[in-house]
Structure formats: structure tokens, C-alpha cells
Amino acid sequence: MASRKVILITGGNGGLGYEAVKAFFESDKAYHVFMGSRSVEKGKEAIDKLRQESPNATNTLDLVQLDLASDESINQAFAQVQSEVGHIDALLNNAGATFDIDYIRGKTSLRECFTNAYNINVAGTHVMTATFMPLLLKSADPRLIFVTGLSAINQAGEKYFPTPPLPAGWPKKLDFETIGYRCSKTALNMLMLDWNHKLMADGVKVWCVGPGILATNLGGVPELAIQMGAKHPSVGGRLLKQVVEGERDDSVGKIVTAAGVKPW
């Protein structure tokens, strides 16, 4: 294990997380990948699928149960990784959730839509990072990534995405909504800045990575993402691998995308 870089990816059983796990698993470089999954059953299914899709892969892979809404789950995951390998070289905070679609469909309240998103995407990610920091600091080249979204606060008017202009009057009729999720991801950008500041003397390289709009099951409406021109999640998986492998070391402490550095 000493010769392999250890990568931990939260939310690794589906969508972007799955494609990131796959990118490292199939790499010709030596990796041991921990696939974080809230559901053990879904995690096992994802690993079986991955091994079927990549039968010639020589890297190693483990499942770790991870629910960012549960401190107990995060602590148990820490104990597992500490016991099995003793350190990690990169933490990819990919897991996230949106409740906006549930809100516009009447399945949750407006307050719950926002607080649930913040609890998982911001608070859960922060607790996850703080808990695993002792293992990351044991690496000779520690890397910390926060997967951000379409969350630049300078987007306004015609450039605002993805909601089109709306007619006057209240309430507004919305078929698609992202604001709770996007607010939480904007907060995640601030979280990255703070971790970058805190870890500068420790030599940890920290980024937000914006993979763009991808055809994942986030929110349970992948068909809408596809209609809006979403790309395959593998595009984001490859970008995350590039950052871990040093191709974006000139942009530490910033939001990086496939096209360059994203404005705040």
C-alpha cells in the first residue's frame, strides 16, 4: 500500500463520484481508492459494476460507508480508513444533495429545502474534512478538493443560469429549481477558502473544482439536465483526476474548471 496513492471520494457510488472512482481505478498510476457511499448496498452494487466495466484494472478499491448527515458515520469511516491504510493522499469532497425539486413538488418545506442542503453540502463536508485531516496531513503530497457547482455570485440578469426570465406576479411557476443547492455550493466556496488559509503552512493543496453541468441523478431529474446540455459525468471524473495528479497546481486556492479558473 505504501507505493499506492490513497484517494478517498465521498458520494462515490454514483454520478460524478462514480466516474471519479473509475478514473483512478483504471489509471496506469498506482492508486488505492476508497469509495464513500451512504448506502452499503448501493456501494457494493457500484463496485461490482465498476469491476465488470474495468476487468483489466490493476488498482485496488474499498467501500467505506459514509453519511455526511451523521457524525457517527463519519467517525466510523475514519476508524476504518485509519485501520486499513493509516493515511490518505487526497480527499475529494464530492458528496452532495439538493432538495429544490422536492420543494417545488410539495414534498418538503422551503425551510427544509435550504437547511437540509446546508446540513449535508456544507456542515457535513466541513465535519468530514476536519475529521479526516489527521490522515491527510500524513501524506507527503496532501490534496483537498471540494466539488462546487454553478455557484458564482456574479451571475445576474441574462447570464443567470438555469432559470429563464420569469413574468411578474407571485407565486412564480417553476418547473425546475436549484437555489437551495446553489446557495449551499456558494458557501462551500467560502469553506474552501478557509481551509486553504488554515492549511497553507501544512503544505496542503486545496481547490474547489467546478465540473460544469453533468447528467447525474442529482435531484432525481437527470432528463432535465440532459435537456439543458449536460455532459457525461466522466468529463468531471477526468477533471478531478487531473487536479489530483498536479495539472492544476498553478490554481491552488481557486475554483478550477475544465476551461480555466472560474470567477467568484
Protein backbone atom coordinates (compact mmCIF):
# COMPACT_ATOMS: atom_id res chain seq x y z
CA MET A 1 0.00 0.00 0.00
CA ALA A 2 2.92 2.32 0.63
CA SER A 3 3.58 2.63 -3.10
CA ARG A 4 -0.03 3.48 -3.90
CA LYS A 5 -1.61 6.91 -3.55
CA VAL A 6 -4.68 6.66 -1.34
CA ILE A 7 -7.74 8.53 -2.62
CA LEU A 8 -11.00 8.95 -0.69
CA ILE A 9 -14.04 10.05 -2.67
CA THR A 10 -17.30 10.83 -0.90
CA GLY A 11 -20.51 10.06 -2.78
CA GLY A 12 -18.53 7.67 -4.94
CA ASN A 13 -21.26 5.18 -5.80
CA GLY A 14 -23.00 7.23 -8.49
CA GLY A 15 -22.78 10.07 -10.97
CA LEU A 16 -19.67 12.22 -10.84
CA GLY A 17 -18.31 10.37 -7.82
CA TYR A 18 -18.55 7.02 -9.58
CA GLU A 19 -16.76 8.38 -12.64
CA ALA A 20 -14.01 9.84 -10.44
CA VAL A 21 -13.55 6.48 -8.71
CA LYS A 22 -13.44 4.83 -12.14
CA ALA A 23 -10.84 7.29 -13.45
CA PHE A 24 -8.45 6.44 -10.61
CA PHE A 25 -9.29 2.72 -10.62
CA GLU A 26 -8.47 2.44 -14.34
CA SER A 27 -5.34 4.62 -14.16
CA ASP A 28 -1.93 3.26 -15.09
CA LYS A 29 -0.66 5.01 -11.96
CA ALA A 30 -0.87 3.17 -8.65
CA TYR A 31 -3.91 4.07 -6.55
CA HIS A 32 -5.93 2.64 -3.71
CA VAL A 33 -9.40 4.17 -3.84
CA PHE A 34 -11.94 4.39 -1.05
CA MET A 35 -15.44 4.70 -2.47
CA GLY A 36 -17.62 6.53 0.05
CA SER A 37 -21.28 5.58 -0.15
CA ARG A 38 -24.18 6.45 2.14
CA SER A 39 -25.80 3.10 1.30
CA VAL A 40 -23.65 -0.01 1.75
CA GLU A 41 -25.89 -1.93 -0.65
CA LYS A 42 -25.60 0.69 -3.39
CA GLY A 43 -21.87 0.93 -2.79
CA LYS A 44 -21.43 -2.81 -3.26
CA GLU A 45 -23.50 -2.68 -6.44
CA ALA A 46 -21.35 0.20 -7.75
CA ILE A 47 -18.13 -1.69 -7.03
CA ASP A 48 -19.46 -4.82 -8.78
CA LYS A 49 -20.43 -2.68 -11.78
CA LEU A 50 -17.05 -0.98 -11.83
CA ARG A 51 -15.16 -4.27 -11.79
CA GLN A 52 -17.31 -5.54 -14.64
CA GLU A 53 -16.66 -2.39 -16.67
CA SER A 54 -12.92 -2.37 -15.91
CA PRO A 55 -11.86 -6.03 -15.73
CA ASN A 56 -8.21 -5.25 -16.50
CA ALA A 57 -7.76 -2.58 -13.85
CA THR A 58 -4.84 -3.27 -11.53
CA ASN A 59 -5.57 -0.68 -8.84
CA THR A 60 -7.30 -1.52 -5.58
CA LEU A 61 -10.66 -0.42 -4.26
CA ASP A 62 -12.52 -0.48 -0.94
CA LEU A 63 -16.00 0.56 0.15
CA VAL A 64 -16.49 2.85 3.12
CA GLN A 65 -19.96 3.68 4.43
CA LEU A 66 -20.30 7.47 4.66
CA ASP A 67 -23.35 9.54 5.51
CA LEU A 68 -22.44 13.23 5.74
CA ALA A 69 -25.53 13.90 7.84
CA SER A 70 -24.18 11.61 10.58
CA ASP A 71 -21.12 12.35 12.74
CA GLU A 72 -21.19 8.72 13.87
CA SER A 73 -20.94 7.52 10.27
CA ILE A 74 -18.05 9.89 9.56
CA ASN A 75 -16.20 8.78 12.71
CA GLN A 76 -16.68 5.11 11.83
CA ALA A 77 -15.36 5.76 8.33
CA PHE A 78 -12.32 7.47 9.82
CA ALA A 79 -11.65 4.46 12.05
CA GLN A 80 -11.88 2.11 9.06
CA VAL A 81 -9.51 4.09 6.85
CA GLN A 82 -7.08 4.69 9.70
CA SER A 83 -7.03 0.97 10.49
CA GLU A 84 -6.66 -0.19 6.88
CA VAL A 85 -4.13 2.28 5.46
CA GLY A 86 -3.25 4.87 8.13
CA HIS A 87 -3.28 7.90 5.81
CA ILE A 88 -4.87 9.42 2.72
CA ASP A 89 -3.20 11.43 -0.05
CA ALA A 90 -6.30 13.11 -1.43
CA LEU A 91 -9.77 13.80 -0.07
CA LEU A 92 -12.37 14.53 -2.74
CA ASN A 93 -15.43 16.06 -1.10
CA ASN A 94 -17.87 15.14 -3.84
CA ALA A 95 -20.99 14.02 -1.95
CA GLY A 96 -23.87 16.46 -2.05
CA ALA A 97 -27.62 16.69 -2.20
CA THR A 98 -30.33 19.00 -3.48
CA PHE A 99 -33.87 19.29 -2.17
CA ASP A 100 -35.12 22.01 -4.53
CA ILE A 101 -37.04 19.62 -6.77
CA ASP A 102 -38.70 18.07 -3.72
CA TYR A 103 -39.75 21.58 -2.65
CA ILE A 104 -41.38 22.59 -5.93
CA ARG A 105 -43.15 19.22 -5.97
CA GLY A 106 -44.53 19.84 -2.48
CA LYS A 107 -42.54 17.06 -0.81
CA THR A 108 -40.65 19.30 1.62
CA SER A 109 -40.93 22.79 3.05
CA LEU A 110 -38.92 25.78 1.83
CA ARG A 111 -37.01 25.90 5.11
CA GLU A 112 -36.23 22.19 4.99
CA CYS A 113 -35.08 22.56 1.39
CA PHE A 114 -32.38 25.01 2.48
CA THR A 115 -31.41 23.59 5.86
CA ASN A 116 -31.08 20.05 4.54
CA ALA A 117 -28.84 21.23 1.70
CA TYR A 118 -26.61 23.18 4.09
CA ASN A 119 -26.51 20.32 6.57
CA ILE A 120 -25.10 17.90 4.01
CA ASN A 121 -23.27 20.06 1.48
CA VAL A 122 -21.63 22.50 3.91
CA ALA A 123 -21.77 21.29 7.52
CA GLY A 124 -21.35 17.62 6.62
CA THR A 125 -18.48 18.35 4.27
CA HIS A 126 -16.80 20.52 6.90
CA VAL A 127 -17.10 17.82 9.57
CA MET A 128 -15.83 15.23 7.10
CA THR A 129 -12.78 17.34 6.26
CA ALA A 130 -11.96 18.14 9.89
CA THR A 131 -12.33 14.50 10.93
CA PHE A 132 -10.04 13.16 8.22
CA MET A 133 -7.44 15.93 8.42
CA PRO A 134 -5.05 13.92 10.66
CA LEU A 135 -4.87 11.23 7.96
CA LEU A 136 -4.42 13.74 5.14
CA LEU A 137 -1.58 15.51 6.94
CA LYS A 138 0.37 12.24 6.98
CA SER A 139 0.69 12.41 3.19
CA ALA A 140 3.86 13.67 1.52
CA ASP A 141 1.66 15.47 -1.04
CA PRO A 142 -1.73 16.14 0.54
CA ARG A 143 -4.57 17.35 -1.69
CA LEU A 144 -8.03 18.54 -0.68
CA ILE A 145 -10.83 19.11 -3.19
CA PHE A 146 -14.33 20.49 -2.77
CA VAL A 147 -16.68 19.82 -5.69
CA THR A 148 -18.55 23.05 -6.27
CA GLY A 149 -21.42 23.83 -8.61
CA LEU A 150 -22.88 26.58 -10.76
CA SER A 151 -22.39 28.96 -7.88
CA ALA A 152 -20.62 32.15 -8.95
CA ILE A 153 -22.28 35.08 -7.18
CA ASN A 154 -21.56 37.48 -10.08
CA GLN A 155 -24.09 35.77 -12.34
CA ALA A 156 -27.12 38.01 -12.85
CA GLY A 157 -29.65 39.12 -15.43
CA GLU A 158 -29.49 37.27 -18.74
CA LYS A 159 -26.42 35.29 -17.61
CA TYR A 160 -28.22 33.78 -14.64
CA PHE A 161 -28.49 30.02 -15.06
CA PRO A 162 -30.50 27.86 -15.34
CA THR A 163 -33.75 29.71 -14.54
CA PRO A 164 -35.04 31.74 -17.52
CA PRO A 165 -36.61 35.21 -17.06
CA LEU A 166 -39.90 34.97 -15.18
CA PRO A 167 -43.07 37.07 -15.64
CA ALA A 168 -44.27 39.47 -12.96
CA GLY A 169 -46.53 38.23 -10.20
CA TRP A 170 -46.49 35.85 -7.26
CA PRO A 171 -46.18 32.97 -6.78
CA LYS A 172 -43.78 32.14 -9.59
CA LYS A 173 -44.45 28.94 -11.51
CA LEU A 174 -41.23 26.93 -11.59
CA ASP A 175 -40.65 23.61 -13.31
CA PHE A 176 -37.02 23.47 -12.23
CA GLU A 177 -35.23 24.98 -9.24
CA THR A 178 -31.69 24.97 -7.86
CA ILE A 179 -31.39 27.90 -5.47
CA GLY A 180 -31.07 25.97 -2.20
CA TYR A 181 -28.39 23.76 -3.71
CA ARG A 182 -26.56 26.69 -5.31
CA CYS A 183 -26.56 28.75 -2.13
CA SER A 184 -25.01 25.80 -0.30
CA LYS A 185 -22.36 25.42 -3.01
CA THR A 186 -21.54 29.13 -2.81
CA ALA A 187 -21.00 28.59 0.91
CA LEU A 188 -18.78 25.64 0.01
CA ASN A 189 -16.55 28.00 -1.98
CA MET A 190 -16.05 30.02 1.20
CA LEU A 191 -15.31 26.81 3.07
CA MET A 192 -12.57 26.02 0.56
CA LEU A 193 -11.02 29.47 1.03
CA ASP A 194 -10.94 28.98 4.77
CA TRP A 195 -9.38 25.53 4.57
CA ASN A 196 -6.83 26.85 2.10
CA HIS A 197 -5.91 29.56 4.62
CA LYS A 198 -5.79 27.19 7.57
CA LEU A 199 -3.62 24.59 5.81
CA MET A 200 -1.15 26.84 3.99
CA ALA A 201 1.65 26.20 6.48
CA ASP A 202 0.96 22.46 6.27
CA GLY A 203 1.61 22.29 2.54
CA VAL A 204 -1.89 21.03 1.68
CA LYS A 205 -3.04 21.99 -1.81
CA VAL A 206 -6.72 22.98 -1.75
CA TRP A 207 -9.20 23.69 -4.56
CA CYS A 208 -12.82 23.94 -5.49
CA VAL A 209 -13.44 22.05 -8.71
CA GLY A 210 -16.41 23.04 -10.87
CA PRO A 211 -17.13 20.19 -13.32
CA GLY A 212 -19.98 22.07 -15.01
CA ILE A 213 -23.47 20.75 -15.55
CA LEU A 214 -23.37 16.97 -15.79
CA ALA A 215 -26.01 14.35 -16.47
CA THR A 216 -26.12 12.87 -12.97
CA ASN A 217 -29.08 11.81 -10.86
CA LEU A 218 -28.72 14.78 -8.51
CA GLY A 219 -32.24 15.84 -7.63
CA GLY A 220 -33.68 12.77 -9.34
CA VAL A 221 -34.25 14.51 -12.69
CA PRO A 222 -31.32 13.56 -14.97
CA GLU A 223 -33.54 14.03 -18.03
CA LEU A 224 -33.78 17.78 -17.30
CA ALA A 225 -30.00 18.06 -17.06
CA ILE A 226 -29.65 16.33 -20.42
CA GLN A 227 -32.16 18.73 -21.98
CA MET A 228 -30.02 21.64 -20.77
CA GLY A 229 -26.92 20.26 -22.47
CA ALA A 230 -25.37 18.36 -19.57
CA LYS A 231 -22.21 16.40 -20.32
CA HIS A 232 -21.44 12.83 -19.28
CA PRO A 233 -20.17 12.61 -15.67
CA SER A 234 -16.92 11.06 -16.91
CA VAL A 235 -15.88 14.57 -18.03
CA GLY A 236 -15.90 15.65 -14.40
CA GLY A 237 -14.21 12.46 -13.25
CA ARG A 238 -11.27 13.09 -15.55
CA LEU A 239 -11.03 16.71 -14.36
CA LEU A 240 -10.83 15.62 -10.73
CA LYS A 241 -8.10 13.14 -11.59
CA GLN A 242 -6.14 15.87 -13.41
CA VAL A 243 -6.26 18.09 -10.33
CA VAL A 244 -5.07 15.29 -8.06
CA GLU A 245 -2.25 14.48 -10.47
CA GLY A 246 -0.90 18.03 -10.47
CA GLU A 247 -2.19 19.51 -13.71
CA ARG A 248 -3.86 22.44 -11.90
CA ASP A 249 -1.22 23.19 -9.27
CA ASP A 250 -0.97 26.74 -10.59
CA SER A 251 -4.54 27.40 -9.40
CA VAL A 252 -4.41 26.33 -5.74
CA GLY A 253 -6.98 28.15 -3.61
CA LYS A 254 -9.26 28.88 -6.57
CA ILE A 255 -12.30 27.45 -8.36
CA VAL A 256 -10.98 25.45 -11.29
CA THR A 257 -12.94 24.19 -14.28
CA ALA A 258 -12.04 22.40 -17.48
CA ALA A 259 -11.84 25.81 -19.18
CA GLY A 260 -9.66 27.50 -16.60
CA VAL A 261 -10.26 29.43 -13.39
CA LYS A 262 -13.84 30.38 -12.56
CA PRO A 263 -14.74 33.88 -11.23
CA TRP A 264 -16.33 34.13 -7.81
